[in-house]
Amino acid sequence: MSDAARFTDGVSWADFGTVALGDDAGLPPWCLMARTDDLGALALRAHELGWQVGPTSTGGHETRLRLDSPGGLTLIGYSPLAQP
C-alpha cells in the first residue's frame, strides 16, 4: 500500500483512495465526504430521510452537494469531473 496521494490539487485537496482530505472555507471544522456516481439519487434519498439538501456546485475537480442531517452531521457528496 502506498502512502502517496492518488490525486491532489496541490492546495486544499488530497485523495488517498480510502480517505479524502480537504480544507475548504465555508464548511464545518470536520465533515464526511462520500464519492458517488449519482448526486441526484443521493440528494433524493437524503431528502426522503429528512436531511437538508444544498445546491450542487462545481469546483476544479468535482461536483459536490452539501447534506446536513437532522442530528447535525454534515456530509459532502461528490462526483469527480472527467479528467482530460
Protein backbone atom coordinates (compact mmCIF):
# COMPACT_ATOMS: atom_id res chain seq x y z
CA MET A 1 0.00 0.00 0.00
CA SER A 2 1.38 3.39 -0.96
CA ASP A 3 1.11 6.43 1.29
CA ALA A 4 1.21 8.79 -1.71
CA ALA A 5 -1.96 10.62 -2.68
CA ARG A 6 -3.77 9.24 -5.74
CA PHE A 7 -4.85 12.77 -6.58
CA THR A 8 -4.17 16.23 -5.18
CA ASP A 9 -4.86 19.73 -6.42
CA GLY A 10 -1.76 20.97 -4.59
CA VAL A 11 -3.76 23.40 -2.46
CA SER A 12 -6.61 22.02 -0.39
CA TRP A 13 -7.49 18.51 -1.56
CA ALA A 14 -5.84 15.08 -1.44
CA ASP A 15 -7.35 11.68 -2.19
CA PHE A 16 -5.57 8.64 -0.75
CA GLY A 17 -8.04 6.07 -2.12
CA THR A 18 -9.87 5.14 1.07
CA VAL A 19 -9.64 8.59 2.66
CA ALA A 20 -10.04 12.02 1.07
CA LEU A 21 -8.91 15.16 2.89
CA GLY A 22 -9.95 18.71 2.18
CA ASP A 23 -9.64 22.15 3.69
CA ASP A 24 -12.40 24.26 2.17
CA ALA A 25 -13.77 27.50 3.56
CA GLY A 26 -17.43 27.53 4.45
CA LEU A 27 -17.56 24.00 5.88
CA PRO A 28 -17.70 22.87 9.49
CA PRO A 29 -14.37 22.04 11.16
CA TRP A 30 -14.91 18.46 10.00
CA CYS A 31 -17.38 16.61 7.84
CA LEU A 32 -17.66 13.35 5.96
CA MET A 33 -17.07 13.16 2.22
CA ALA A 34 -18.66 10.47 0.09
CA ARG A 35 -17.89 9.79 -3.56
CA THR A 36 -20.85 8.89 -5.74
CA ASP A 37 -21.65 8.48 -9.42
CA ASP A 38 -25.19 9.83 -8.94
CA LEU A 39 -25.55 13.05 -6.94
CA GLY A 40 -29.22 13.28 -7.91
CA ALA A 41 -30.04 9.92 -6.34
CA LEU A 42 -28.03 10.85 -3.23
CA ALA A 43 -29.92 14.14 -2.90
CA LEU A 44 -33.30 12.42 -3.33
CA ARG A 45 -32.58 9.76 -0.71
CA ALA A 46 -31.17 12.29 1.75
CA HIS A 47 -34.28 14.47 1.33
CA GLU A 48 -36.52 11.42 1.94
CA LEU A 49 -34.63 10.84 5.20
CA GLY A 50 -35.16 14.43 6.38
CA TRP A 51 -31.72 15.81 5.57
CA GLN A 52 -31.22 19.39 4.39
CA VAL A 53 -30.03 19.25 0.79
CA GLY A 54 -27.95 22.12 -0.54
CA PRO A 55 -27.40 23.10 -4.15
CA THR A 56 -24.77 21.40 -6.27
CA SER A 57 -21.61 23.31 -7.04
CA THR A 58 -18.77 22.52 -9.40
CA GLY A 59 -15.16 23.15 -8.48
CA GLY A 60 -11.87 22.47 -10.17
CA HIS A 61 -12.04 18.70 -9.82
CA GLU A 62 -15.51 17.66 -8.70
CA THR A 63 -19.21 18.45 -8.48
CA ARG A 64 -20.36 18.45 -4.87
CA LEU A 65 -23.51 18.58 -2.81
CA ARG A 66 -23.74 19.51 0.87
CA LEU A 67 -26.10 17.45 3.01
CA ASP A 68 -26.90 18.21 6.66
CA SER A 69 -28.52 15.52 8.81
CA PRO A 70 -31.25 16.27 11.36
CA GLY A 71 -28.66 15.42 14.05
CA GLY A 72 -26.11 17.96 12.82
CA LEU A 73 -23.75 15.79 10.75
CA THR A 74 -22.52 17.37 7.50
CA LEU A 75 -21.80 15.14 4.54
CA ILE A 76 -20.36 16.30 1.25
CA GLY A 77 -21.36 14.08 -1.64
CA TYR A 78 -19.11 14.50 -4.64
CA SER A 79 -18.57 13.17 -8.15
CA PRO A 80 -15.15 13.71 -9.76
CA LEU A 81 -15.09 15.59 -13.05
CA ALA A 82 -13.82 13.70 -16.06
CA GLN A 83 -10.08 14.20 -16.43
CA PRO A 84 -8.86 15.17 -19.90
